[in-house]
Amino acid sequence: MNRTELEQKILELLTEEFPEVDFQSSDSLVDDGLLDSLTITGIIAALSMEFGIAIPYEEIIEENFNSISGLAGLVEKLQN
């Protein structure tokens, strides 16, 4: 799966799980307050189940959760 396909899959997954969040409208989802801690916990659970990864505590930083691109980079890194 290339990066574009991965981003699309993550976008579809998160849009289905969290329809109240517009993941495409911002590259600063955390910084703009669009994601709260409960939503971030849900995102971690969804990505962990979908991609078979464990997201370590030290990777739960704004940079990784501010955008679909950041999330895709995190998933790629943890899959390798």
N, C-alpha and C. Protein backbone atom coordinates (compact mmCIF):
# COMPACT_ATOMS: atom_id res chain seq x y z
N MET A 1 0.85 -1.17 0.00
CA MET A 1 0.00 0.00 0.00
C MET A 1 0.90 1.24 0.00
N ASN A 2 0.69 2.11 -0.99
CA ASN A 2 1.51 3.32 -1.02
C ASN A 2 0.95 4.37 -0.06
N ARG A 3 1.69 5.46 0.09
CA ARG A 3 1.34 6.49 1.09
C ARG A 3 -0.04 7.09 0.82
N THR A 4 -0.36 7.36 -0.44
CA THR A 4 -1.66 7.95 -0.78
C THR A 4 -2.79 6.98 -0.42
N GLU A 5 -2.61 5.71 -0.73
CA GLU A 5 -3.63 4.70 -0.40
C GLU A 5 -3.78 4.57 1.12
N LEU A 6 -2.67 4.63 1.83
CA LEU A 6 -2.70 4.55 3.29
C LEU A 6 -3.46 5.73 3.87
N GLU A 7 -3.16 6.93 3.39
CA GLU A 7 -3.87 8.13 3.86
C GLU A 7 -5.36 8.02 3.59
N GLN A 8 -5.72 7.53 2.41
CA GLN A 8 -7.14 7.38 2.04
C GLN A 8 -7.83 6.37 2.96
N LYS A 9 -7.16 5.26 3.24
CA LYS A 9 -7.73 4.23 4.11
C LYS A 9 -7.93 4.77 5.53
N ILE A 10 -6.95 5.51 6.03
CA ILE A 10 -7.06 6.11 7.37
C ILE A 10 -8.19 7.14 7.39
N LEU A 11 -8.28 7.96 6.35
CA LEU A 11 -9.34 8.96 6.27
C LEU A 11 -10.72 8.29 6.29
N GLU A 12 -10.88 7.24 5.49
CA GLU A 12 -12.17 6.53 5.45
C GLU A 12 -12.50 5.91 6.81
N LEU A 13 -11.52 5.27 7.43
CA LEU A 13 -11.72 4.64 8.73
C LEU A 13 -12.14 5.66 9.78
N LEU A 14 -11.40 6.77 9.85
CA LEU A 14 -11.66 7.75 10.90
C LEU A 14 -12.93 8.56 10.64
N THR A 15 -13.26 8.78 9.37
CA THR A 15 -14.49 9.48 9.04
C THR A 15 -15.70 8.64 9.44
N GLU A 16 -15.57 7.33 9.28
CA GLU A 16 -16.65 6.41 9.69
C GLU A 16 -16.77 6.35 11.21
N GLU A 17 -15.63 6.28 11.89
CA GLU A 17 -15.62 6.17 13.35
C GLU A 17 -15.99 7.48 14.05
N PHE A 18 -15.57 8.60 13.46
CA PHE A 18 -15.75 9.92 14.09
C PHE A 18 -16.35 10.90 13.09
N PRO A 19 -17.63 10.70 12.72
CA PRO A 19 -18.23 11.54 11.68
C PRO A 19 -18.32 13.02 12.07
N GLU A 20 -18.23 13.32 13.36
CA GLU A 20 -18.32 14.71 13.81
C GLU A 20 -17.03 15.51 13.57
N VAL A 21 -15.94 14.82 13.21
CA VAL A 21 -14.65 15.49 12.98
C VAL A 21 -14.39 15.57 11.49
N ASP A 22 -14.09 16.77 11.01
CA ASP A 22 -13.71 16.96 9.60
C ASP A 22 -12.19 16.84 9.49
N PHE A 23 -11.74 15.62 9.22
CA PHE A 23 -10.30 15.35 9.19
C PHE A 23 -9.60 16.01 8.01
N GLN A 24 -10.34 16.41 6.99
CA GLN A 24 -9.72 17.02 5.81
C GLN A 24 -9.57 18.53 5.93
N SER A 25 -10.27 19.14 6.88
CA SER A 25 -10.31 20.60 6.92
C SER A 25 -9.10 21.24 7.59
N SER A 26 -8.28 20.43 8.27
CA SER A 26 -7.23 21.02 9.08
C SER A 26 -5.97 20.16 9.08
N ASP A 27 -4.84 20.83 9.14
CA ASP A 27 -3.56 20.15 9.34
C ASP A 27 -3.08 20.38 10.77
N SER A 28 -3.99 20.85 11.61
CA SER A 28 -3.67 21.06 13.03
C SER A 28 -4.87 20.66 13.88
N LEU A 29 -5.27 19.40 13.71
CA LEU A 29 -6.46 18.88 14.39
C LEU A 29 -6.36 19.01 15.91
N VAL A 30 -5.19 18.71 16.46
CA VAL A 30 -4.99 18.81 17.91
C VAL A 30 -4.85 20.28 18.30
N ASP A 31 -3.99 20.99 17.58
CA ASP A 31 -3.73 22.40 17.90
C ASP A 31 -4.99 23.25 17.82
N ASP A 32 -5.88 22.93 16.89
CA ASP A 32 -7.12 23.70 16.72
C ASP A 32 -8.24 23.23 17.65
N GLY A 33 -7.96 22.20 18.47
CA GLY A 33 -8.95 21.72 19.42
C GLY A 33 -10.03 20.84 18.81
N LEU A 34 -9.80 20.33 17.58
CA LEU A 34 -10.79 19.48 16.94
C LEU A 34 -10.78 18.06 17.50
N LEU A 35 -9.65 17.66 18.10
CA LEU A 35 -9.54 16.34 18.72
C LEU A 35 -9.33 16.51 20.21
N ASP A 36 -10.18 15.86 21.00
CA ASP A 36 -9.96 15.84 22.45
C ASP A 36 -9.31 14.52 22.84
N SER A 37 -9.00 14.37 24.09
CA SER A 37 -8.27 13.18 24.53
C SER A 37 -9.06 11.90 24.29
N LEU A 38 -10.37 11.96 24.44
CA LEU A 38 -11.20 10.78 24.21
C LEU A 38 -11.17 10.37 22.74
N THR A 39 -11.23 11.36 21.84
CA THR A 39 -11.17 11.08 20.40
C THR A 39 -9.80 10.52 20.03
N ILE A 40 -8.75 11.08 20.60
CA ILE A 40 -7.41 10.58 20.32
C ILE A 40 -7.27 9.13 20.78
N THR A 41 -7.83 8.81 21.94
CA THR A 41 -7.82 7.43 22.43
C THR A 41 -8.55 6.52 21.45
N GLY A 42 -9.68 6.98 20.93
CA GLY A 42 -10.43 6.21 19.93
C GLY A 42 -9.66 6.02 18.65
N ILE A 43 -8.95 7.05 18.22
CA ILE A 43 -8.13 6.96 17.00
C ILE A 43 -7.03 5.92 17.21
N ILE A 44 -6.39 5.95 18.37
CA ILE A 44 -5.34 4.97 18.67
C ILE A 44 -5.91 3.56 18.59
N ALA A 45 -7.08 3.35 19.19
CA ALA A 45 -7.70 2.03 19.17
C ALA A 45 -8.05 1.60 17.75
N ALA A 46 -8.63 2.51 16.97
CA ALA A 46 -9.03 2.18 15.59
C ALA A 46 -7.82 1.83 14.73
N LEU A 47 -6.76 2.63 14.83
CA LEU A 47 -5.56 2.37 14.03
C LEU A 47 -4.87 1.08 14.47
N SER A 48 -4.86 0.84 15.78
CA SER A 48 -4.23 -0.37 16.30
C SER A 48 -4.94 -1.61 15.77
N MET A 49 -6.26 -1.60 15.79
CA MET A 49 -7.03 -2.74 15.32
C MET A 49 -6.94 -2.91 13.81
N GLU A 50 -7.05 -1.80 13.08
CA GLU A 50 -7.06 -1.86 11.61
C GLU A 50 -5.70 -2.30 11.04
N PHE A 51 -4.62 -1.80 11.63
CA PHE A 51 -3.30 -2.02 11.04
C PHE A 51 -2.42 -2.98 11.86
N GLY A 52 -2.95 -3.50 12.97
CA GLY A 52 -2.19 -4.45 13.78
C GLY A 52 -0.92 -3.86 14.37
N ILE A 53 -1.02 -2.63 14.84
CA ILE A 53 0.14 -1.95 15.41
C ILE A 53 -0.16 -1.59 16.86
N ALA A 54 0.90 -1.35 17.62
CA ALA A 54 0.79 -0.80 18.97
C ALA A 54 1.44 0.57 18.92
N ILE A 55 0.71 1.58 19.38
CA ILE A 55 1.24 2.94 19.35
C ILE A 55 1.81 3.25 20.73
N PRO A 56 3.16 3.35 20.81
CA PRO A 56 3.78 3.61 22.11
C PRO A 56 3.46 5.02 22.61
N TYR A 57 3.46 5.16 23.92
CA TYR A 57 3.13 6.43 24.58
C TYR A 57 3.92 7.60 24.00
N GLU A 58 5.21 7.39 23.74
CA GLU A 58 6.07 8.49 23.27
C GLU A 58 5.70 8.96 21.86
N GLU A 59 4.89 8.19 21.13
CA GLU A 59 4.46 8.60 19.79
C GLU A 59 3.13 9.37 19.82
N ILE A 60 2.53 9.49 20.99
CA ILE A 60 1.26 10.21 21.11
C ILE A 60 1.58 11.69 21.31
N ILE A 61 1.96 12.32 20.20
CA ILE A 61 2.34 13.74 20.19
C ILE A 61 1.53 14.46 19.11
N GLU A 62 1.40 15.76 19.28
CA GLU A 62 0.61 16.57 18.34
C GLU A 62 1.00 16.34 16.90
N GLU A 63 2.29 16.31 16.63
CA GLU A 63 2.82 16.15 15.27
C GLU A 63 2.22 14.93 14.56
N ASN A 64 2.03 13.84 15.31
CA ASN A 64 1.50 12.61 14.72
C ASN A 64 -0.01 12.62 14.57
N PHE A 65 -0.72 13.46 15.31
CA PHE A 65 -2.17 13.44 15.31
C PHE A 65 -2.82 14.69 14.72
N ASN A 66 -2.03 15.64 14.25
CA ASN A 66 -2.56 16.89 13.72
C ASN A 66 -3.19 16.74 12.34
N SER A 67 -2.86 15.66 11.62
CA SER A 67 -3.37 15.51 10.25
C SER A 67 -3.40 14.04 9.85
N ILE A 68 -4.13 13.78 8.78
CA ILE A 68 -4.14 12.43 8.21
C ILE A 68 -2.74 12.05 7.75
N SER A 69 -2.02 13.00 7.20
CA SER A 69 -0.65 12.75 6.76
C SER A 69 0.23 12.34 7.94
N GLY A 70 0.09 13.02 9.06
CA GLY A 70 0.85 12.68 10.26
C GLY A 70 0.52 11.29 10.76
N LEU A 71 -0.78 10.96 10.74
CA LEU A 71 -1.20 9.63 11.17
C LEU A 71 -0.67 8.55 10.24
N ALA A 72 -0.68 8.83 8.93
CA ALA A 72 -0.16 7.87 7.96
C ALA A 72 1.34 7.64 8.17
N GLY A 73 2.06 8.71 8.45
CA GLY A 73 3.50 8.59 8.74
C GLY A 73 3.75 7.73 9.97
N LEU A 74 2.91 7.91 10.99
CA LEU A 74 3.04 7.13 12.21
C LEU A 74 2.77 5.66 11.93
N VAL A 75 1.71 5.37 11.20
CA VAL A 75 1.36 3.97 10.88
C VAL A 75 2.49 3.34 10.07
N GLU A 76 2.98 4.07 9.06
CA GLU A 76 4.10 3.55 8.23
C GLU A 76 5.30 3.19 9.10
N LYS A 77 5.66 4.11 9.97
CA LYS A 77 6.82 3.93 10.84
C LYS A 77 6.65 2.70 11.73
N LEU A 78 5.46 2.53 12.29
CA LEU A 78 5.23 1.43 13.22
C LEU A 78 5.05 0.09 12.52
N GLN A 79 4.71 0.11 11.24
CA GLN A 79 4.58 -1.14 10.49
C GLN A 79 5.93 -1.66 10.04
N ASN A 80 6.93 -0.79 9.97
CA ASN A 80 8.27 -1.20 9.49
C ASN A 80 9.17 -1.70 10.59
